[in-house]
C-alpha atoms as a PDB file:
ATOM      1  CA  UNK A   1    -117.807 119.682  92.285  1.00  0.00           C
ATOM      2  CA  UNK A   2    -115.308 122.291  94.104  1.00  0.00           C
ATOM      3  CA  UNK A   3    -113.952 120.803  97.096  1.00  0.00           C
ATOM      4  CA  UNK A   4    -115.376 122.751 100.290  1.00  0.00           C
ATOM      5  CA  UNK A   5    -112.400 124.441 102.079  1.00  0.00           C
ATOM      6  CA  UNK A   6    -112.857 123.359 106.115  1.00  0.00           C
ATOM      7  CA  UNK A   7    -111.068 125.149 108.577  1.00  0.00           C
ATOM      8  CA  UNK A   8    -110.469 123.114 111.989  1.00  0.00           C
ATOM      9  CA  UNK A   9    -109.670 123.995 115.153  1.00  0.00           C
ATOM     10  CA  UNK A  10    -106.618 124.612 116.758  1.00  0.00           C
ATOM     11  CA  UNK A  11    -105.998 122.804 120.199  1.00  0.00           C
ATOM     12  CA  UNK A  12    -106.560 126.496 121.813  1.00  0.00           C
ATOM     13  CA  UNK A  13    -109.355 126.899 120.097  1.00  0.00           C
ATOM     14  CA  UNK A  14    -110.917 122.950 121.632  1.00  0.00           C
ATOM     15  CA  UNK A  15    -109.720 123.813 124.886  1.00  0.00           C
ATOM     16  CA  UNK A  16    -111.600 127.277 125.468  1.00  0.00           C
ATOM     17  CA  UNK A  17    -114.841 124.774 123.793  1.00  0.00           C
ATOM     18  CA  UNK A  18    -114.018 122.060 126.668  1.00  0.00           C
ATOM     19  CA  UNK A  19    -113.219 124.002 129.553  1.00  0.00           C
ATOM     20  CA  UNK A  20    -116.022 127.801 128.721  1.00  0.00           C
ATOM     21  CA  UNK A  21    -118.893 127.347 132.265  1.00  0.00           C
ATOM     22  CA  UNK A  22    -121.988 126.769 130.389  1.00  0.00           C
ATOM     23  CA  UNK A  23    -125.805 127.422 131.545  1.00  0.00           C
ATOM     24  CA  UNK A  24    -127.685 124.451 130.946  1.00  0.00           C
ATOM     25  CA  UNK A  25    -127.285 120.736 130.478  1.00  0.00           C
ATOM     26  CA  UNK A  26    -128.214 120.604 127.078  1.00  0.00           C
ATOM     27  CA  UNK A  27    -125.147 122.819 126.277  1.00  0.00           C
ATOM     28  CA  UNK A  28    -123.314 121.281 127.923  1.00  0.00           C
ATOM     29  CA  UNK A  29    -123.872 117.831 126.771  1.00  0.00           C
ATOM     30  CA  UNK A  30    -122.738 118.339 123.127  1.00  0.00           C
ATOM     31  CA  UNK A  31    -120.106 120.075 124.437  1.00  0.00           C
ATOM     32  CA  UNK A  32    -118.748 116.993 125.814  1.00  0.00           C
ATOM     33  CA  UNK A  33    -120.038 115.445 123.113  1.00  0.00           C
ATOM     34  CA  UNK A  34    -118.444 117.453 120.697  1.00  0.00           C
ATOM     35  CA  UNK A  35    -115.247 117.303 122.952  1.00  0.00           C
ATOM     36  CA  UNK A  36    -115.609 114.103 122.387  1.00  0.00           C
ATOM     37  CA  UNK A  37    -116.009 113.694 118.963  1.00  0.00           C
ATOM     38  CA  UNK A  38    -112.576 116.247 118.962  1.00  0.00           C
ATOM     39  CA  UNK A  39    -110.760 113.286 120.781  1.00  0.00           C
ATOM     40  CA  UNK A  40    -111.691 109.939 118.662  1.00  0.00           C
ATOM     41  CA  UNK A  41    -112.650 111.500 114.964  1.00  0.00           C
ATOM     42  CA  UNK A  42    -115.903 109.570 115.151  1.00  0.00           C
ATOM     43  CA  UNK A  43    -118.428 110.858 112.737  1.00  0.00           C
ATOM     44  CA  UNK A  44    -122.431 111.834 114.458  1.00  0.00           C
ATOM     45  CA  UNK A  45    -123.412 108.577 113.383  1.00  0.00           C
ATOM     46  CA  UNK A  46    -120.879 105.879 115.174  1.00  0.00           C
ATOM     47  CA  UNK A  47    -120.746 108.513 117.867  1.00  0.00           C
ATOM     48  CA  UNK A  48    -124.744 107.913 118.657  1.00  0.00           C
ATOM     49  CA  UNK A  49    -124.055 103.871 118.399  1.00  0.00           C
ATOM     50  CA  UNK A  50    -121.999 103.428 121.134  1.00  0.00           C
ATOM     51  CA  UNK A  51    -122.280 100.712 124.101  1.00  0.00           C
ATOM     52  CA  UNK A  52    -120.795 100.302 126.658  1.00  0.00           C
ATOM     53  CA  UNK A  53    -119.950  96.953 125.270  1.00  0.00           C
ATOM     54  CA  UNK A  54    -118.001  98.633 122.641  1.00  0.00           C
ATOM     55  CA  UNK A  55    -115.028  99.573 125.218  1.00  0.00           C
ATOM     56  CA  UNK A  56    -112.080  97.446 125.254  1.00  0.00           C
ATOM     57  CA  UNK A  57    -109.477  97.695 127.085  1.00  0.00           C
ATOM     58  CA  UNK A  58    -105.853  95.779 126.740  1.00  0.00           C
ATOM     59  CA  UNK A  59    -102.590  96.443 128.732  1.00  0.00           C
ATOM     60  CA  UNK A  60    -104.228 100.017 130.712  1.00  0.00           C
ATOM     61  CA  UNK A  61    -105.249 101.325 127.131  1.00  0.00           C
ATOM     62  CA  UNK A  62    -109.216 101.591 126.073  1.00  0.00           C
ATOM     63  CA  UNK A  63    -110.348 101.851 123.062  1.00  0.00           C
ATOM     64  CA  UNK A  64    -112.846 101.273 121.036  1.00  0.00           C
ATOM     65  CA  UNK A  65    -113.157  98.545 117.676  1.00  0.00           C
ATOM     66  CA  UNK A  66    -116.441  98.666 115.378  1.00  0.00           C
ATOM     67  CA  UNK A  67    -118.182  99.071 112.315  1.00  0.00           C
ATOM     68  CA  UNK A  68    -118.324 102.256 111.149  1.00  0.00           C
ATOM     69  CA  UNK A  69    -122.146 102.970 110.311  1.00  0.00           C
ATOM     70  CA  UNK A  70    -121.592 104.869 106.943  1.00  0.00           C
ATOM     71  CA  UNK A  71    -119.383 102.285 105.218  1.00  0.00           C
ATOM     72  CA  UNK A  72    -119.366  99.264 107.221  1.00  0.00           C
ATOM     73  CA  UNK A  73    -115.007  99.555 107.282  1.00  0.00           C
ATOM     74  CA  UNK A  74    -113.378  98.533 111.031  1.00  0.00           C
ATOM     75  CA  UNK A  75    -112.171 101.247 112.722  1.00  0.00           C
ATOM     76  CA  UNK A  76    -110.482 101.064 115.809  1.00  0.00           C
ATOM     77  CA  UNK A  77    -109.447 104.200 117.839  1.00  0.00           C
ATOM     78  CA  UNK A  78    -107.258 104.278 121.204  1.00  0.00           C
ATOM     79  CA  UNK A  79    -109.617 106.552 123.607  1.00  0.00           C
ATOM     80  CA  UNK A  80    -107.448 109.561 125.748  1.00  0.00           C
ATOM     81  CA  UNK A  81    -107.996 110.716 129.127  1.00  0.00           C
ATOM     82  CA  UNK A  82    -110.450 113.461 128.118  1.00  0.00           C
ATOM     83  CA  UNK A  83    -112.656 111.061 125.861  1.00  0.00           C
ATOM     84  CA  UNK A  84    -112.538 108.517 128.797  1.00  0.00           C
ATOM     85  CA  UNK A  85    -113.433 111.787 131.048  1.00  0.00           C
ATOM     86  CA  UNK A  86    -116.901 112.224 129.055  1.00  0.00           C
ATOM     87  CA  UNK A  87    -118.060 108.107 128.678  1.00  0.00           C
ATOM     88  CA  UNK A  88    -117.258 107.452 131.876  1.00  0.00           C
ATOM     89  CA  UNK A  89    -119.990 110.644 133.178  1.00  0.00           C
ATOM     90  CA  UNK A  90    -122.632 109.315 130.817  1.00  0.00           C
ATOM     91  CA  UNK A  91    -122.482 105.850 131.497  1.00  0.00           C
ATOM     92  CA  UNK A  92    -120.388 105.075 128.291  1.00  0.00           C
ATOM     93  CA  UNK A  93    -123.552 106.498 126.305  1.00  0.00           C
ATOM     94  CA  UNK A  94    -123.133 109.613 124.843  1.00  0.00           C
ATOM     95  CA  UNK A  95    -126.535 112.252 125.710  1.00  0.00           C
ATOM     96  CA  UNK A  96    -127.270 112.815 121.557  1.00  0.00           C
ATOM     97  CA  UNK A  97    -130.248 113.689 120.361  1.00  0.00           C
ATOM     98  CA  UNK A  98    -130.614 114.088 116.140  1.00  0.00           C
ATOM     99  CA  UNK A  99    -128.057 115.404 113.885  1.00  0.00           C
ATOM    100  CA  UNK A 100    -130.016 118.614 113.246  1.00  0.00           C
ATOM    101  CA  UNK A 101    -130.800 119.848 117.039  1.00  0.00           C
ATOM    102  CA  UNK A 102    -127.063 118.835 117.915  1.00  0.00           C
ATOM    103  CA  UNK A 103    -125.626 120.797 114.791  1.00  0.00           C
ATOM    104  CA  UNK A 104    -128.100 123.797 115.988  1.00  0.00           C
ATOM    105  CA  UNK A 105    -126.568 123.775 119.994  1.00  0.00           C
ATOM    106  CA  UNK A 106    -122.955 123.862 118.416  1.00  0.00           C
ATOM    107  CA  UNK A 107    -123.954 126.506 116.831  1.00  0.00           C
ATOM    108  CA  UNK A 108    -125.135 128.274 120.367  1.00  0.00           C
ATOM    109  CA  UNK A 109    -122.142 127.009 121.717  1.00  0.00           C
ATOM    110  CA  UNK A 110    -119.847 128.502 119.201  1.00  0.00           C
ATOM    111  CA  UNK A 111    -121.138 131.999 120.062  1.00  0.00           C
ATOM    112  CA  UNK A 112    -120.907 131.743 123.808  1.00  0.00           C
ATOM    113  CA  UNK A 113    -117.084 130.694 123.850  1.00  0.00           C
ATOM    114  CA  UNK A 114    -116.130 133.697 121.106  1.00  0.00           C
ATOM    115  CA  UNK A 115    -115.464 130.728 118.370  1.00  0.00           C
ATOM    116  CA  UNK A 116    -115.858 132.186 114.982  1.00  0.00           C
ATOM    117  CA  UNK A 117    -115.854 129.377 112.904  1.00  0.00           C
ATOM    118  CA  UNK A 118    -119.030 127.220 112.567  1.00  0.00           C
ATOM    119  CA  UNK A 119    -119.285 124.523 114.692  1.00  0.00           C
ATOM    120  CA  UNK A 120    -120.648 121.159 113.613  1.00  0.00           C
ATOM    121  CA  UNK A 121    -120.183 117.523 114.205  1.00  0.00           C
ATOM    122  CA  UNK A 122    -118.492 117.074 110.932  1.00  0.00           C
ATOM    123  CA  UNK A 123    -115.478 119.995 112.330  1.00  0.00           C
ATOM    124  CA  UNK A 124    -115.178 117.686 114.810  1.00  0.00           C
ATOM    125  CA  UNK A 125    -113.844 114.802 113.167  1.00  0.00           C
ATOM    126  CA  UNK A 126    -111.966 116.998 110.715  1.00  0.00           C
ATOM    127  CA  UNK A 127    -110.649 118.515 113.783  1.00  0.00           C
ATOM    128  CA  UNK A 128    -109.152 115.213 115.285  1.00  0.00           C
ATOM    129  CA  UNK A 129    -108.067 113.847 112.419  1.00  0.00           C
ATOM    130  CA  UNK A 130    -105.984 117.752 111.961  1.00  0.00           C
ATOM    131  CA  UNK A 131    -104.620 117.709 115.267  1.00  0.00           C
ATOM    132  CA  UNK A 132    -103.187 114.136 115.535  1.00  0.00           C
ATOM    133  CA  UNK A 133    -101.283 114.584 112.692  1.00  0.00           C
ATOM    134  CA  UNK A 134    -100.754 117.495 113.592  1.00  0.00           C
ATOM    135  CA  UNK A 135     -99.025 115.416 117.383  1.00  0.00           C
ATOM    136  CA  UNK A 136     -97.270 113.124 114.984  1.00  0.00           C
ATOM    137  CA  UNK A 137     -99.481 110.386 114.571  1.00  0.00           C
ATOM    138  CA  UNK A 138     -98.633 108.742 111.085  1.00  0.00           C
ATOM    139  CA  UNK A 139    -101.704 109.484 108.025  1.00  0.00           C
ATOM    140  CA  UNK A 140    -102.101 105.626 107.866  1.00  0.00           C
ATOM    141  CA  UNK A 141    -102.870 105.207 111.691  1.00  0.00           C
ATOM    142  CA  UNK A 142    -105.078 108.577 111.171  1.00  0.00           C
ATOM    143  CA  UNK A 143    -106.703 106.337 108.378  1.00  0.00           C
ATOM    144  CA  UNK A 144    -107.353 104.067 110.201  1.00  0.00           C
ATOM    145  CA  UNK A 145    -108.776 105.430 113.009  1.00  0.00           C
ATOM    146  CA  UNK A 146    -110.719 107.630 110.366  1.00  0.00           C
ATOM    147  CA  UNK A 147    -111.983 104.110 109.050  1.00  0.00           C
ATOM    148  CA  UNK A 148    -111.109 105.667 105.356  1.00  0.00           C
ATOM    149  CA  UNK A 149    -110.831 102.311 103.022  1.00  0.00           C
ATOM    150  CA  UNK A 150    -107.551 104.825 101.437  1.00  0.00           C
ATOM    151  CA  UNK A 151    -105.078 107.269 102.367  1.00  0.00           C
ATOM    152  CA  UNK A 152    -106.701 109.902  99.615  1.00  0.00           C
ATOM    153  CA  UNK A 153    -109.946 110.159 101.731  1.00  0.00           C
ATOM    154  CA  UNK A 154    -107.730 111.155 104.833  1.00  0.00           C
ATOM    155  CA  UNK A 155    -105.785 113.724 103.013  1.00  0.00           C
ATOM    156  CA  UNK A 156    -108.745 115.637 102.670  1.00  0.00           C
ATOM    157  CA  UNK A 157    -109.062 115.902 106.335  1.00  0.00           C
ATOM    158  CA  UNK A 158    -105.737 116.720 106.497  1.00  0.00           C
ATOM    159  CA  UNK A 159    -104.351 120.078 107.126  1.00  0.00           C
ATOM    160  CA  UNK A 160    -101.034 120.534 108.609  1.00  0.00           C
ATOM    161  CA  UNK A 161    -100.872 123.912 110.884  1.00  0.00           C
ATOM    162  CA  UNK A 162     -98.338 126.262 109.925  1.00  0.00           C
ATOM    163  CA  UNK A 163     -96.602 125.557 113.715  1.00  0.00           C
ATOM    164  CA  UNK A 164     -95.845 121.829 112.535  1.00  0.00           C
ATOM    165  CA  UNK A 165     -94.033 122.639 109.426  1.00  0.00           C
ATOM    166  CA  UNK A 166     -92.236 125.461 111.060  1.00  0.00           C
ATOM    167  CA  UNK A 167     -90.666 123.058 113.299  1.00  0.00           C
ATOM    168  CA  UNK A 168     -89.965 120.242 110.714  1.00  0.00           C
ATOM    169  CA  UNK A 169     -86.063 120.176 110.154  1.00  0.00           C
ATOM    170  CA  UNK A 170     -85.305 120.061 106.304  1.00  0.00           C
ATOM    171  CA  UNK A 171     -81.805 118.575 106.050  1.00  0.00           C
ATOM    172  CA  UNK A 172     -80.091 117.386 103.309  1.00  0.00           C
END
């Protein structure tokens, strides 16, 4: 079976989605959940299962630590400022309906934002992994965040951006 090419969002595209004025609460909720996923790499089912007790704090760092719904593998995800703002806005329970309706709403948001890539819950996960790797976070850490059992699974999500490659100094 041939692997499908996933083209993650850039930081600029994600910021366009995050800041776009949207006309309805339904669109705003879906956008916020997508941005949260693109900052945490959480799958839809894992986002839907978050409850306030899952949010922990240690030395000023907020994080989620629990098992993935799909695999049962533990993950730990440090929450950045954007993710925490979204969680606080919704009382630490994200406003998600069904996966099917969520993905349909994301398609609508993509059109409004002028994004030609097909926005899906899975694209947010790929975007998060790619942005983390391009920010210099190691493959091993990203793998743990994704809740993967091996690095090969994580490599499927990883896509180095040209800018990252060109900024790499190769010296012998």
